[in-house]
């Protein structure tokens, strides 16, 4: 068993988290959040992977043949759809914030709090 995919997932998560904490631009913040969300794809695919496994098609396959976990791959696709939806929603909020305040700096937005 190799731990490399898990290490890569943690590394991508930490890079995205660092970008979120140091961001001075709302668009950069949304992109860093997308990077952080992409670490879950790597993690889920690593969980569902089986060394020497085949595609999860069971017709005309001998019993006991190794296959990858199809449920985890379906969860990964669902995660991608949710991430795209969240990113689109956040970018729409950023566009509206820029229209009303003429700034994308999160610190500048605090003074417009109503």
N, C-alpha and C. Protein backbone atom coordinates (compact mmCIF):
# COMPACT_ATOMS: atom_id res chain seq x y z
N UNK A 1 0.85 -1.17 0.00
CA UNK A 1 0.00 0.00 0.00
C UNK A 1 0.89 1.24 0.00
N UNK A 2 0.62 2.14 -0.90
CA UNK A 2 1.40 3.36 -0.99
C UNK A 2 0.62 4.53 -0.39
N UNK A 3 1.34 5.40 0.26
CA UNK A 3 0.73 6.56 0.90
C UNK A 3 0.85 7.82 0.07
N UNK A 4 1.45 7.71 -1.11
CA UNK A 4 1.69 8.88 -1.95
C UNK A 4 0.41 9.64 -2.31
N UNK A 5 -0.68 8.99 -2.73
CA UNK A 5 -1.89 9.76 -3.05
C UNK A 5 -2.44 10.52 -1.84
N UNK A 6 -2.33 9.95 -0.67
CA UNK A 6 -2.81 10.63 0.53
C UNK A 6 -1.94 11.83 0.86
N UNK A 7 -0.64 11.68 0.67
CA UNK A 7 0.29 12.80 0.90
C UNK A 7 0.02 13.91 -0.11
N UNK A 8 -0.23 13.55 -1.35
CA UNK A 8 -0.55 14.55 -2.38
C UNK A 8 -1.85 15.26 -2.04
N UNK A 9 -2.85 14.53 -1.58
CA UNK A 9 -4.13 15.15 -1.21
C UNK A 9 -3.94 16.13 -0.06
N UNK A 10 -3.15 15.76 0.94
CA UNK A 10 -2.89 16.67 2.07
C UNK A 10 -2.11 17.88 1.60
N UNK A 11 -1.14 17.66 0.72
CA UNK A 11 -0.33 18.78 0.21
C UNK A 11 -1.20 19.77 -0.58
N UNK A 12 -2.07 19.27 -1.45
CA UNK A 12 -2.97 20.15 -2.21
C UNK A 12 -3.89 20.90 -1.26
N UNK A 13 -4.39 20.21 -0.24
CA UNK A 13 -5.26 20.86 0.75
C UNK A 13 -4.52 21.98 1.48
N UNK A 14 -3.30 21.72 1.89
CA UNK A 14 -2.53 22.74 2.62
C UNK A 14 -2.16 23.93 1.74
N UNK A 15 -1.86 23.68 0.46
CA UNK A 15 -1.56 24.78 -0.46
C UNK A 15 -2.80 25.66 -0.64
N UNK A 16 -3.96 25.04 -0.82
CA UNK A 16 -5.20 25.80 -0.94
C UNK A 16 -5.54 26.54 0.33
N UNK A 17 -5.32 25.92 1.47
CA UNK A 17 -5.59 26.56 2.75
C UNK A 17 -4.66 27.75 2.97
N UNK A 18 -3.40 27.61 2.59
CA UNK A 18 -2.46 28.73 2.69
C UNK A 18 -2.92 29.88 1.80
N UNK A 19 -3.36 29.57 0.61
CA UNK A 19 -3.85 30.61 -0.29
C UNK A 19 -5.09 31.31 0.25
N UNK A 20 -5.97 30.55 0.90
CA UNK A 20 -7.18 31.14 1.49
C UNK A 20 -6.80 32.10 2.62
N UNK A 21 -5.86 31.70 3.45
CA UNK A 21 -5.52 32.53 4.61
C UNK A 21 -4.71 33.76 4.24
N UNK A 22 -4.00 33.73 3.13
CA UNK A 22 -3.16 34.88 2.76
C UNK A 22 -3.74 35.71 1.62
N UNK A 23 -4.94 35.38 1.17
CA UNK A 23 -5.52 36.06 0.01
C UNK A 23 -5.92 37.49 0.33
N UNK A 24 -5.63 38.39 -0.59
CA UNK A 24 -6.03 39.79 -0.50
C UNK A 24 -6.95 40.17 -1.65
N UNK A 25 -7.51 39.16 -2.32
CA UNK A 25 -8.39 39.38 -3.45
C UNK A 25 -9.48 38.31 -3.41
N UNK A 26 -10.72 38.71 -3.61
CA UNK A 26 -11.82 37.75 -3.50
C UNK A 26 -11.78 36.68 -4.59
N UNK A 27 -11.35 37.05 -5.79
CA UNK A 27 -11.26 36.05 -6.86
C UNK A 27 -10.17 35.04 -6.54
N UNK A 28 -9.05 35.51 -6.02
CA UNK A 28 -7.97 34.61 -5.60
C UNK A 28 -8.47 33.70 -4.49
N UNK A 29 -9.29 34.22 -3.61
CA UNK A 29 -9.85 33.43 -2.52
C UNK A 29 -10.73 32.30 -3.06
N UNK A 30 -11.55 32.60 -4.05
CA UNK A 30 -12.43 31.58 -4.65
C UNK A 30 -11.59 30.51 -5.36
N UNK A 31 -10.55 30.92 -6.06
CA UNK A 31 -9.68 29.95 -6.75
C UNK A 31 -8.97 29.06 -5.74
N UNK A 32 -8.50 29.64 -4.64
CA UNK A 32 -7.83 28.83 -3.61
C UNK A 32 -8.81 27.87 -2.95
N UNK A 33 -10.06 28.28 -2.79
CA UNK A 33 -11.07 27.37 -2.27
C UNK A 33 -11.30 26.21 -3.24
N UNK A 34 -11.27 26.48 -4.53
CA UNK A 34 -11.42 25.41 -5.53
C UNK A 34 -10.24 24.44 -5.47
N UNK A 35 -9.05 24.97 -5.25
CA UNK A 35 -7.87 24.10 -5.11
C UNK A 35 -8.02 23.22 -3.87
N UNK A 36 -8.49 23.81 -2.79
CA UNK A 36 -8.71 23.04 -1.57
C UNK A 36 -9.75 21.94 -1.79
N UNK A 37 -10.81 22.27 -2.51
CA UNK A 37 -11.83 21.26 -2.80
C UNK A 37 -11.29 20.16 -3.70
N UNK A 38 -10.35 20.48 -4.57
CA UNK A 38 -9.82 19.46 -5.47
C UNK A 38 -8.99 18.42 -4.72
N UNK A 39 -8.53 18.74 -3.53
CA UNK A 39 -7.80 17.73 -2.76
C UNK A 39 -8.72 16.57 -2.38
N UNK A 40 -10.01 16.83 -2.28
CA UNK A 40 -10.93 15.74 -1.96
C UNK A 40 -11.07 14.76 -3.12
N UNK A 41 -10.89 15.23 -4.35
CA UNK A 41 -10.95 14.32 -5.50
C UNK A 41 -9.82 13.30 -5.41
N UNK A 42 -8.63 13.80 -5.14
CA UNK A 42 -7.46 12.92 -5.04
C UNK A 42 -7.66 11.93 -3.89
N UNK A 43 -8.17 12.44 -2.76
CA UNK A 43 -8.39 11.57 -1.61
C UNK A 43 -9.42 10.48 -1.92
N UNK A 44 -10.55 10.86 -2.51
CA UNK A 44 -11.58 9.87 -2.80
C UNK A 44 -11.11 8.84 -3.82
N UNK A 45 -10.38 9.28 -4.83
CA UNK A 45 -9.86 8.33 -5.82
C UNK A 45 -8.82 7.40 -5.20
N UNK A 46 -8.04 7.91 -4.25
CA UNK A 46 -7.06 7.06 -3.57
C UNK A 46 -7.76 6.02 -2.70
N UNK A 47 -8.86 6.39 -2.08
CA UNK A 47 -9.61 5.45 -1.25
C UNK A 47 -10.21 4.33 -2.11
N UNK A 48 -10.71 4.67 -3.29
CA UNK A 48 -11.38 3.68 -4.14
C UNK A 48 -10.45 2.86 -5.02
N UNK A 49 -9.17 3.22 -5.06
CA UNK A 49 -8.23 2.51 -5.94
C UNK A 49 -7.84 1.17 -5.35
N UNK A 50 -7.70 0.19 -6.22
CA UNK A 50 -7.19 -1.13 -5.83
C UNK A 50 -6.08 -1.52 -6.78
N UNK A 51 -4.97 -1.88 -6.24
CA UNK A 51 -3.84 -2.30 -7.06
C UNK A 51 -4.20 -3.57 -7.83
N UNK A 52 -4.07 -3.50 -9.14
CA UNK A 52 -4.41 -4.64 -9.98
C UNK A 52 -5.90 -4.79 -10.23
N UNK A 53 -6.67 -3.80 -9.82
CA UNK A 53 -8.12 -3.86 -10.00
C UNK A 53 -8.53 -3.49 -11.42
N UNK A 54 -9.69 -3.99 -11.81
CA UNK A 54 -10.22 -3.69 -13.14
C UNK A 54 -11.44 -2.80 -12.99
N UNK A 55 -12.00 -2.44 -14.11
CA UNK A 55 -13.22 -1.64 -14.10
C UNK A 55 -14.35 -2.45 -13.46
N UNK A 56 -15.26 -1.78 -12.75
CA UNK A 56 -16.31 -2.52 -12.05
C UNK A 56 -17.44 -2.99 -12.97
N UNK A 57 -17.08 -3.83 -13.93
CA UNK A 57 -18.05 -4.43 -14.85
C UNK A 57 -18.02 -5.93 -14.55
N UNK A 58 -19.14 -6.47 -14.11
CA UNK A 58 -19.15 -7.82 -13.58
C UNK A 58 -19.74 -8.86 -14.52
N UNK A 59 -20.11 -8.47 -15.72
CA UNK A 59 -20.66 -9.44 -16.65
C UNK A 59 -19.52 -10.24 -17.27
N UNK A 60 -19.65 -11.52 -17.27
CA UNK A 60 -18.65 -12.45 -17.84
C UNK A 60 -17.29 -12.30 -17.19
N UNK A 61 -17.25 -12.03 -15.88
CA UNK A 61 -16.00 -11.92 -15.14
C UNK A 61 -16.01 -12.98 -14.05
N UNK A 62 -14.87 -13.63 -13.86
CA UNK A 62 -14.78 -14.67 -12.84
C UNK A 62 -15.00 -14.08 -11.46
N UNK A 63 -15.63 -14.89 -10.59
CA UNK A 63 -15.85 -14.45 -9.23
C UNK A 63 -14.51 -14.34 -8.50
N UNK A 64 -14.37 -13.29 -7.70
CA UNK A 64 -13.12 -13.07 -6.97
C UNK A 64 -12.16 -12.15 -7.69
N UNK A 65 -12.52 -11.66 -8.88
CA UNK A 65 -11.66 -10.73 -9.61
C UNK A 65 -11.69 -9.37 -8.90
N UNK A 66 -10.50 -8.81 -8.73
CA UNK A 66 -10.39 -7.50 -8.08
C UNK A 66 -10.96 -6.42 -9.00
N UNK A 67 -11.68 -5.47 -8.39
CA UNK A 67 -12.14 -4.32 -9.15
C UNK A 67 -12.10 -3.09 -8.25
N UNK A 68 -12.03 -1.94 -8.88
CA UNK A 68 -12.02 -0.69 -8.11
C UNK A 68 -13.43 -0.43 -7.59
N UNK A 69 -13.53 0.44 -6.59
CA UNK A 69 -14.82 0.72 -5.97
C UNK A 69 -15.55 1.78 -6.79
N UNK A 70 -16.65 1.41 -7.39
CA UNK A 70 -17.40 2.34 -8.24
C UNK A 70 -18.17 3.38 -7.43
N UNK A 71 -18.51 3.09 -6.19
CA UNK A 71 -19.24 4.04 -5.36
C UNK A 71 -18.37 5.26 -5.07
N UNK A 72 -17.10 5.03 -4.80
CA UNK A 72 -16.19 6.15 -4.52
C UNK A 72 -16.01 7.01 -5.76
N UNK A 73 -15.97 6.42 -6.92
CA UNK A 73 -15.85 7.21 -8.15
C UNK A 73 -17.12 8.01 -8.41
N UNK A 74 -18.27 7.46 -8.08
CA UNK A 74 -19.52 8.22 -8.20
C UNK A 74 -19.54 9.38 -7.22
N UNK A 75 -19.02 9.18 -6.02
CA UNK A 75 -18.91 10.27 -5.05
C UNK A 75 -17.96 11.36 -5.53
N UNK A 76 -16.90 10.96 -6.21
CA UNK A 76 -15.96 11.94 -6.76
C UNK A 76 -16.64 12.80 -7.82
N UNK A 77 -17.41 12.18 -8.69
CA UNK A 77 -18.14 12.95 -9.70
C UNK A 77 -19.15 13.89 -9.05
N UNK A 78 -19.82 13.43 -8.01
CA UNK A 78 -20.75 14.29 -7.28
C UNK A 78 -20.01 15.45 -6.63
N UNK A 79 -18.84 15.18 -6.09
CA UNK A 79 -18.02 16.23 -5.48
C UNK A 79 -17.60 17.27 -6.50
N UNK A 80 -17.29 16.85 -7.70
CA UNK A 80 -16.91 17.80 -8.76
C UNK A 80 -18.10 18.69 -9.11
N UNK A 81 -19.28 18.12 -9.22
CA UNK A 81 -20.48 18.92 -9.54
C UNK A 81 -20.75 19.93 -8.43
N UNK A 82 -20.65 19.51 -7.19
CA UNK A 82 -20.87 20.42 -6.07
C UNK A 82 -19.83 21.53 -6.06
N UNK A 83 -18.58 21.19 -6.33
CA UNK A 83 -17.50 22.19 -6.33
C UNK A 83 -17.71 23.23 -7.43
N UNK A 84 -18.14 22.80 -8.60
CA UNK A 84 -18.40 23.75 -9.69
C UNK A 84 -19.56 24.67 -9.32
N UNK A 85 -20.59 24.12 -8.71
CA UNK A 85 -21.73 24.92 -8.29
C UNK A 85 -21.33 25.94 -7.23
N UNK A 86 -20.57 25.52 -6.25
CA UNK A 86 -20.12 26.43 -5.20
C UNK A 86 -19.23 27.52 -5.78
N UNK A 87 -18.33 27.16 -6.68
CA UNK A 87 -17.46 28.14 -7.31
C UNK A 87 -18.25 29.16 -8.11
N UNK A 88 -19.25 28.70 -8.86
CA UNK A 88 -20.08 29.62 -9.64
C UNK A 88 -20.86 30.56 -8.73
N UNK A 89 -21.39 30.04 -7.64
CA UNK A 89 -22.14 30.87 -6.70
C UNK A 89 -21.22 31.91 -6.04
N UNK A 90 -20.04 31.49 -5.62
CA UNK A 90 -19.11 32.43 -4.99
C UNK A 90 -18.64 33.50 -5.97
N UNK A 91 -18.39 33.12 -7.21
CA UNK A 91 -17.98 34.13 -8.20
C UNK A 91 -19.11 35.11 -8.49
N UNK A 92 -20.35 34.65 -8.47
CA UNK A 92 -21.49 35.56 -8.65
C UNK A 92 -21.57 36.55 -7.49
N UNK A 93 -21.32 36.06 -6.27
CA UNK A 93 -21.31 36.95 -5.11
C UNK A 93 -20.17 37.96 -5.21
N UNK A 94 -18.99 37.52 -5.69
CA UNK A 94 -17.86 38.42 -5.86
C UNK A 94 -18.17 39.50 -6.89
N UNK A 95 -18.82 39.13 -7.99
CA UNK A 95 -19.19 40.12 -9.01
C UNK A 95 -20.14 41.15 -8.42
N UNK A 96 -21.12 40.71 -7.65
CA UNK A 96 -22.06 41.65 -7.04
C UNK A 96 -21.37 42.54 -6.01
N UNK A 97 -20.46 41.98 -5.24
CA UNK A 97 -19.71 42.79 -4.27
C UNK A 97 -18.87 43.84 -4.97
N UNK A 98 -18.28 43.47 -6.10
CA UNK A 98 -17.47 44.43 -6.86
C UNK A 98 -18.35 45.52 -7.46
N UNK A 99 -19.53 45.17 -7.92
CA UNK A 99 -20.45 46.18 -8.48
C UNK A 99 -20.85 47.22 -7.44
N UNK A 100 -21.06 46.78 -6.21
CA UNK A 100 -21.56 47.68 -5.17
C UNK A 100 -20.45 48.44 -4.45
N UNK A 101 -19.24 47.89 -4.41
CA UNK A 101 -18.19 48.51 -3.61
C UNK A 101 -16.98 48.94 -4.40
N UNK A 102 -16.85 48.52 -5.65
CA UNK A 102 -15.69 48.82 -6.50
C UNK A 102 -14.37 48.33 -5.90
N UNK A 103 -14.40 47.27 -5.15
CA UNK A 103 -13.18 46.70 -4.61
C UNK A 103 -13.34 45.18 -4.50
N UNK A 104 -12.20 44.49 -4.56
CA UNK A 104 -12.19 43.04 -4.36
C UNK A 104 -11.37 42.66 -3.13
N UNK A 105 -10.94 43.65 -2.36
CA UNK A 105 -10.16 43.40 -1.16
C UNK A 105 -11.10 43.07 0.00
N UNK A 106 -10.95 41.91 0.64
CA UNK A 106 -11.86 41.55 1.73
C UNK A 106 -11.80 42.53 2.90
N UNK A 107 -10.63 43.11 3.17
CA UNK A 107 -10.53 44.07 4.26
C UNK A 107 -11.29 45.35 3.98
N UNK A 108 -11.34 45.75 2.72
CA UNK A 108 -12.09 46.95 2.33
C UNK A 108 -13.59 46.74 2.45
N UNK A 109 -14.05 45.52 2.29
CA UNK A 109 -15.48 45.23 2.35
C UNK A 109 -16.04 45.38 3.76
N UNK A 110 -15.19 45.28 4.76
CA UNK A 110 -15.67 45.37 6.14
C UNK A 110 -16.26 46.74 6.47
N UNK A 111 -15.76 47.77 5.84
CA UNK A 111 -16.27 49.10 6.15
C UNK A 111 -17.64 49.33 5.51
N UNK A 112 -18.04 48.47 4.57
CA UNK A 112 -19.36 48.59 3.94
C UNK A 112 -20.43 47.76 4.65
N UNK A 113 -20.07 47.19 5.75
CA UNK A 113 -21.01 46.35 6.50
C UNK A 113 -22.18 47.22 6.97
N UNK A 114 -23.37 46.74 6.80
CA UNK A 114 -24.51 47.58 7.10
C UNK A 114 -25.29 47.10 8.22
